[in-house]
Amino acid sequence: MSSDDFSLPQLNEGDMPYDEGGPGSVRDAPTSPKNAADLEQVFDVPVVVSAVLGSSRMPIGDLLRLGPGAVLELDRKVGEAIDIFVNNRLVARGEVVLVEERLGVTMTEIIKNDH
């Protein structure tokens, strides 16, 4: 197919209906930073948060032989950052902390995705 078979009309900036300068114009869109109140619509959306200490591979037979008190060797070292996932997407890294006799996680690094 050659470029002569199909051509698009030339559009000018004023031809765009959303760019008329009236209410709702792209030029009038707010550019102020967002805060937590701006996200109030999504506060009730459920998400799954996972803090992964490490992983291990083993045959099913070995897994079935594990009992109470068994020690499972993971692929991470003590003090190494753990991965924090939200809905199975890596979003941060952090450290395990003890808060009032319960384990918690503090985020030390936010992972930026390009998509």
N, C-alpha and C. Protein backbone atom coordinates (compact mmCIF):
# COMPACT_ATOMS: atom_id res chain seq x y z
N MET A 1 0.84 -1.17 0.00
CA MET A 1 0.00 0.00 0.00
C MET A 1 0.90 1.24 0.00
N SER A 2 0.69 2.13 -0.94
CA SER A 2 1.50 3.33 -1.01
C SER A 2 0.85 4.45 -0.20
N SER A 3 1.60 5.50 0.04
CA SER A 3 1.07 6.62 0.81
C SER A 3 0.00 7.37 0.04
N ASP A 4 -0.09 7.14 -1.31
CA ASP A 4 -1.12 7.79 -2.12
C ASP A 4 -2.49 7.16 -1.92
N ASP A 5 -2.54 5.93 -1.43
CA ASP A 5 -3.81 5.22 -1.25
C ASP A 5 -4.63 5.75 -0.09
N PHE A 6 -3.99 6.33 0.89
CA PHE A 6 -4.72 6.76 2.09
C PHE A 6 -4.03 7.99 2.66
N SER A 7 -4.79 9.05 2.87
CA SER A 7 -4.20 10.24 3.47
C SER A 7 -5.13 10.77 4.54
N LEU A 8 -4.57 11.41 5.53
CA LEU A 8 -5.32 12.00 6.62
C LEU A 8 -5.44 13.50 6.39
N PRO A 9 -6.57 14.08 6.81
CA PRO A 9 -6.69 15.54 6.64
C PRO A 9 -5.72 16.26 7.57
N GLN A 10 -5.30 17.44 7.15
CA GLN A 10 -4.42 18.26 7.97
C GLN A 10 -5.27 18.95 9.03
N LEU A 11 -4.92 18.80 10.30
CA LEU A 11 -5.64 19.44 11.40
C LEU A 11 -4.80 20.56 11.97
N ASN A 12 -5.47 21.64 12.30
CA ASN A 12 -4.81 22.76 12.95
C ASN A 12 -5.20 22.76 14.42
N GLU A 13 -4.46 23.47 15.25
CA GLU A 13 -4.72 23.50 16.69
C GLU A 13 -6.15 23.92 17.01
N GLY A 14 -6.72 24.87 16.28
CA GLY A 14 -8.07 25.36 16.53
C GLY A 14 -9.15 24.38 16.10
N ASP A 15 -8.81 23.33 15.32
CA ASP A 15 -9.80 22.35 14.86
C ASP A 15 -10.21 21.37 15.93
N MET A 16 -9.48 21.28 17.02
CA MET A 16 -9.75 20.29 18.05
C MET A 16 -10.88 20.79 18.95
N PRO A 17 -11.98 20.02 19.13
CA PRO A 17 -13.12 20.48 19.90
C PRO A 17 -12.81 20.71 21.38
N TYR A 18 -11.85 20.01 21.94
CA TYR A 18 -11.54 20.16 23.35
C TYR A 18 -10.59 21.33 23.59
N ASP A 19 -10.17 21.99 22.54
CA ASP A 19 -9.17 23.03 22.67
C ASP A 19 -9.75 24.41 22.35
N GLU A 20 -11.03 24.62 22.62
CA GLU A 20 -11.68 25.87 22.27
C GLU A 20 -11.47 26.96 23.30
N GLY A 21 -10.87 26.65 24.42
CA GLY A 21 -10.62 27.65 25.42
C GLY A 21 -11.77 27.86 26.38
N GLY A 22 -12.87 27.16 26.17
CA GLY A 22 -14.04 27.27 27.04
C GLY A 22 -13.89 26.35 28.24
N PRO A 23 -14.98 26.19 29.02
CA PRO A 23 -14.93 25.29 30.18
C PRO A 23 -14.54 23.88 29.74
N GLY A 24 -13.66 23.28 30.45
CA GLY A 24 -13.21 21.92 30.13
C GLY A 24 -12.07 21.89 29.13
N SER A 25 -11.56 23.04 28.75
CA SER A 25 -10.47 23.10 27.80
C SER A 25 -9.22 22.47 28.40
N VAL A 26 -8.44 21.82 27.56
CA VAL A 26 -7.17 21.24 28.00
C VAL A 26 -6.26 22.32 28.56
N ARG A 27 -6.33 23.50 28.00
CA ARG A 27 -5.48 24.59 28.47
C ARG A 27 -5.85 25.03 29.89
N ASP A 28 -7.12 24.81 30.28
CA ASP A 28 -7.59 25.22 31.60
C ASP A 28 -7.46 24.12 32.64
N ALA A 29 -6.93 22.97 32.24
CA ALA A 29 -6.83 21.85 33.18
C ALA A 29 -5.95 22.24 34.35
N PRO A 30 -6.35 21.85 35.57
CA PRO A 30 -5.54 22.21 36.74
C PRO A 30 -4.19 21.52 36.71
N THR A 31 -3.19 22.23 37.13
CA THR A 31 -1.84 21.66 37.16
C THR A 31 -1.30 21.57 38.58
N SER A 32 -2.16 21.82 39.57
CA SER A 32 -1.70 21.77 40.95
C SER A 32 -1.45 20.33 41.37
N PRO A 33 -0.54 20.12 42.32
CA PRO A 33 -0.25 18.77 42.79
C PRO A 33 -1.49 18.16 43.46
N LYS A 34 -1.61 16.86 43.34
CA LYS A 34 -2.73 16.14 43.94
C LYS A 34 -2.42 15.82 45.38
N ASN A 35 -3.49 15.70 46.20
CA ASN A 35 -3.31 15.27 47.58
C ASN A 35 -4.26 14.13 47.87
N ALA A 36 -4.23 13.60 49.06
CA ALA A 36 -5.03 12.42 49.42
C ALA A 36 -6.52 12.66 49.23
N ALA A 37 -7.01 13.86 49.48
CA ALA A 37 -8.44 14.15 49.32
C ALA A 37 -8.87 13.99 47.86
N ASP A 38 -7.98 14.24 46.91
CA ASP A 38 -8.30 14.08 45.50
C ASP A 38 -8.53 12.62 45.12
N LEU A 39 -8.03 11.71 45.93
CA LEU A 39 -8.15 10.28 45.65
C LEU A 39 -9.29 9.62 46.41
N GLU A 40 -10.13 10.40 47.04
CA GLU A 40 -11.19 9.86 47.89
C GLU A 40 -12.08 8.86 47.15
N GLN A 41 -12.27 9.02 45.86
CA GLN A 41 -13.11 8.12 45.07
C GLN A 41 -12.60 6.68 45.06
N VAL A 42 -11.31 6.49 45.23
CA VAL A 42 -10.74 5.15 45.15
C VAL A 42 -10.37 4.56 46.51
N PHE A 43 -10.71 5.24 47.60
CA PHE A 43 -10.35 4.75 48.92
C PHE A 43 -10.94 3.38 49.23
N ASP A 44 -12.09 3.04 48.69
CA ASP A 44 -12.74 1.77 48.99
C ASP A 44 -12.42 0.66 48.00
N VAL A 45 -11.53 0.91 47.04
CA VAL A 45 -11.16 -0.12 46.06
C VAL A 45 -10.21 -1.11 46.73
N PRO A 46 -10.60 -2.40 46.78
CA PRO A 46 -9.73 -3.38 47.43
C PRO A 46 -8.50 -3.71 46.59
N VAL A 47 -7.36 -3.87 47.25
CA VAL A 47 -6.13 -4.29 46.61
C VAL A 47 -5.48 -5.37 47.47
N VAL A 48 -4.64 -6.17 46.85
CA VAL A 48 -3.90 -7.21 47.56
C VAL A 48 -2.46 -6.75 47.68
N VAL A 49 -1.97 -6.62 48.90
CA VAL A 49 -0.60 -6.21 49.15
C VAL A 49 0.18 -7.41 49.69
N SER A 50 1.32 -7.71 49.08
CA SER A 50 2.15 -8.84 49.51
C SER A 50 3.56 -8.35 49.75
N ALA A 51 4.15 -8.76 50.86
CA ALA A 51 5.55 -8.48 51.16
C ALA A 51 6.28 -9.82 51.08
N VAL A 52 7.12 -9.97 50.09
CA VAL A 52 7.78 -11.25 49.81
C VAL A 52 9.17 -11.24 50.44
N LEU A 53 9.35 -12.13 51.42
CA LEU A 53 10.63 -12.24 52.12
C LEU A 53 11.67 -12.96 51.27
N GLY A 54 11.23 -13.79 50.37
CA GLY A 54 12.12 -14.57 49.53
C GLY A 54 11.36 -15.72 48.92
N SER A 55 12.05 -16.55 48.18
CA SER A 55 11.39 -17.71 47.57
C SER A 55 12.34 -18.90 47.59
N SER A 56 11.76 -20.05 47.33
CA SER A 56 12.54 -21.28 47.32
C SER A 56 11.87 -22.26 46.36
N ARG A 57 12.64 -23.13 45.75
CA ARG A 57 12.11 -24.18 44.87
C ARG A 57 12.42 -25.53 45.49
N MET A 58 11.42 -26.42 45.42
CA MET A 58 11.64 -27.76 45.93
C MET A 58 10.64 -28.70 45.28
N PRO A 59 10.98 -29.97 45.21
CA PRO A 59 10.04 -30.96 44.67
C PRO A 59 8.83 -31.10 45.60
N ILE A 60 7.70 -31.46 45.04
CA ILE A 60 6.47 -31.61 45.82
C ILE A 60 6.66 -32.62 46.95
N GLY A 61 7.41 -33.68 46.71
CA GLY A 61 7.66 -34.68 47.75
C GLY A 61 8.32 -34.07 48.97
N ASP A 62 9.31 -33.18 48.76
CA ASP A 62 9.98 -32.51 49.88
C ASP A 62 9.01 -31.56 50.59
N LEU A 63 8.18 -30.90 49.83
CA LEU A 63 7.20 -29.98 50.41
C LEU A 63 6.23 -30.73 51.32
N LEU A 64 5.79 -31.90 50.88
CA LEU A 64 4.84 -32.69 51.67
C LEU A 64 5.47 -33.23 52.96
N ARG A 65 6.79 -33.38 52.98
CA ARG A 65 7.48 -33.89 54.18
C ARG A 65 7.76 -32.80 55.21
N LEU A 66 7.52 -31.54 54.86
CA LEU A 66 7.74 -30.46 55.82
C LEU A 66 6.74 -30.57 56.97
N GLY A 67 7.20 -30.31 58.15
CA GLY A 67 6.33 -30.35 59.32
C GLY A 67 6.51 -29.10 60.16
N PRO A 68 5.78 -29.03 61.26
CA PRO A 68 5.91 -27.87 62.15
C PRO A 68 7.37 -27.68 62.59
N GLY A 69 7.84 -26.45 62.53
CA GLY A 69 9.20 -26.14 62.94
C GLY A 69 10.23 -26.34 61.85
N ALA A 70 9.81 -26.78 60.67
CA ALA A 70 10.76 -26.97 59.56
C ALA A 70 11.32 -25.62 59.14
N VAL A 71 12.58 -25.61 58.78
CA VAL A 71 13.24 -24.39 58.31
C VAL A 71 13.36 -24.46 56.80
N LEU A 72 12.89 -23.42 56.15
CA LEU A 72 12.90 -23.36 54.70
C LEU A 72 13.90 -22.30 54.27
N GLU A 73 14.92 -22.69 53.53
CA GLU A 73 15.94 -21.74 53.10
C GLU A 73 15.42 -20.92 51.93
N LEU A 74 15.51 -19.59 52.06
CA LEU A 74 15.03 -18.69 51.03
C LEU A 74 16.20 -18.13 50.23
N ASP A 75 15.89 -17.48 49.11
CA ASP A 75 16.94 -16.95 48.24
C ASP A 75 17.42 -15.55 48.63
N ARG A 76 17.05 -15.08 49.79
CA ARG A 76 17.47 -13.76 50.26
C ARG A 76 18.33 -13.90 51.50
N LYS A 77 19.19 -12.91 51.72
CA LYS A 77 20.03 -12.90 52.91
C LYS A 77 19.39 -12.03 53.98
N VAL A 78 19.77 -12.23 55.22
CA VAL A 78 19.29 -11.41 56.32
C VAL A 78 19.68 -9.96 56.06
N GLY A 79 18.74 -9.04 56.22
CA GLY A 79 19.00 -7.63 56.01
C GLY A 79 18.80 -7.17 54.58
N GLU A 80 18.62 -8.09 53.64
CA GLU A 80 18.40 -7.72 52.25
C GLU A 80 16.97 -7.20 52.09
N ALA A 81 16.76 -6.24 51.21
CA ALA A 81 15.44 -5.65 50.99
C ALA A 81 14.44 -6.71 50.52
N ILE A 82 13.19 -6.55 50.97
CA ILE A 82 12.12 -7.44 50.53
C ILE A 82 11.31 -6.74 49.44
N ASP A 83 10.63 -7.52 48.62
CA ASP A 83 9.80 -6.96 47.55
C ASP A 83 8.38 -6.76 48.05
N ILE A 84 7.78 -5.63 47.68
CA ILE A 84 6.40 -5.32 48.05
C ILE A 84 5.59 -5.25 46.75
N PHE A 85 4.56 -6.11 46.68
CA PHE A 85 3.71 -6.19 45.50
C PHE A 85 2.33 -5.67 45.84
N VAL A 86 1.69 -4.98 44.90
CA VAL A 86 0.29 -4.60 44.99
C VAL A 86 -0.38 -5.19 43.76
N ASN A 87 -1.37 -6.06 44.00
CA ASN A 87 -2.05 -6.77 42.91
C ASN A 87 -1.05 -7.43 41.96
N ASN A 88 -0.09 -8.13 42.53
CA ASN A 88 0.93 -8.89 41.80
C ASN A 88 1.87 -8.02 40.96
N ARG A 89 1.93 -6.74 41.22
CA ARG A 89 2.86 -5.85 40.52
C ARG A 89 3.85 -5.30 41.52
N LEU A 90 5.15 -5.45 41.23
CA LEU A 90 6.20 -4.94 42.11
C LEU A 90 6.11 -3.42 42.16
N VAL A 91 5.90 -2.86 43.37
CA VAL A 91 5.76 -1.41 43.50
C VAL A 91 6.82 -0.79 44.40
N ALA A 92 7.43 -1.60 45.27
CA ALA A 92 8.39 -1.03 46.21
C ALA A 92 9.29 -2.12 46.78
N ARG A 93 10.34 -1.67 47.47
CA ARG A 93 11.19 -2.55 48.26
C ARG A 93 11.20 -1.99 49.67
N GLY A 94 11.44 -2.84 50.64
CA GLY A 94 11.40 -2.36 52.01
C GLY A 94 12.14 -3.26 52.96
N GLU A 95 11.95 -2.98 54.24
CA GLU A 95 12.60 -3.74 55.32
C GLU A 95 11.54 -4.20 56.30
N VAL A 96 11.77 -5.36 56.89
CA VAL A 96 10.88 -5.88 57.93
C VAL A 96 11.19 -5.13 59.22
N VAL A 97 10.12 -4.71 59.92
CA VAL A 97 10.27 -4.02 61.19
C VAL A 97 9.36 -4.68 62.22
N LEU A 98 9.65 -4.46 63.48
CA LEU A 98 8.83 -4.96 64.57
C LEU A 98 8.08 -3.78 65.18
N VAL A 99 6.74 -3.85 65.16
CA VAL A 99 5.90 -2.78 65.69
C VAL A 99 4.96 -3.39 66.71
N GLU A 100 5.15 -3.04 67.98
CA GLU A 100 4.32 -3.55 69.06
C GLU A 100 4.15 -5.07 68.99
N GLU A 101 5.25 -5.77 68.90
CA GLU A 101 5.31 -7.23 68.87
C GLU A 101 4.66 -7.85 67.63
N ARG A 102 4.48 -7.07 66.58
CA ARG A 102 3.95 -7.57 65.31
C ARG A 102 4.93 -7.19 64.20
N LEU A 103 5.01 -8.05 63.19
CA LEU A 103 5.88 -7.75 62.06
C LEU A 103 5.20 -6.73 61.15
N GLY A 104 5.99 -5.84 60.60
CA GLY A 104 5.51 -4.84 59.65
C GLY A 104 6.56 -4.63 58.58
N VAL A 105 6.26 -3.79 57.64
CA VAL A 105 7.20 -3.49 56.56
C VAL A 105 7.26 -1.98 56.39
N THR A 106 8.46 -1.46 56.28
CA THR A 106 8.64 -0.06 55.96
C THR A 106 9.22 0.03 54.55
N MET A 107 8.63 0.88 53.72
CA MET A 107 9.09 1.02 52.34
C MET A 107 10.34 1.89 52.31
N THR A 108 11.35 1.43 51.61
CA THR A 108 12.59 2.19 51.50
C THR A 108 12.85 2.66 50.07
N GLU A 109 12.14 2.05 49.10
CA GLU A 109 12.36 2.41 47.70
C GLU A 109 11.07 2.17 46.93
N ILE A 110 10.65 3.15 46.13
CA ILE A 110 9.48 3.01 45.26
C ILE A 110 9.99 2.61 43.89
N ILE A 111 9.38 1.58 43.31
CA ILE A 111 9.77 1.10 41.98
C ILE A 111 8.87 1.77 40.95
N LYS A 112 9.47 2.48 40.01
CA LYS A 112 8.69 3.14 38.96
C LYS A 112 8.63 2.26 37.74
N ASN A 113 7.41 1.98 37.28
CA ASN A 113 7.21 1.22 36.04
C ASN A 113 7.07 2.18 34.89
N ASP A 114 7.50 1.76 33.72
CA ASP A 114 7.42 2.62 32.55
C ASP A 114 6.10 2.49 31.81
N HIS A 115 5.17 1.60 32.25
CA HIS A 115 3.92 1.51 31.54
C HIS A 115 2.83 2.12 32.28
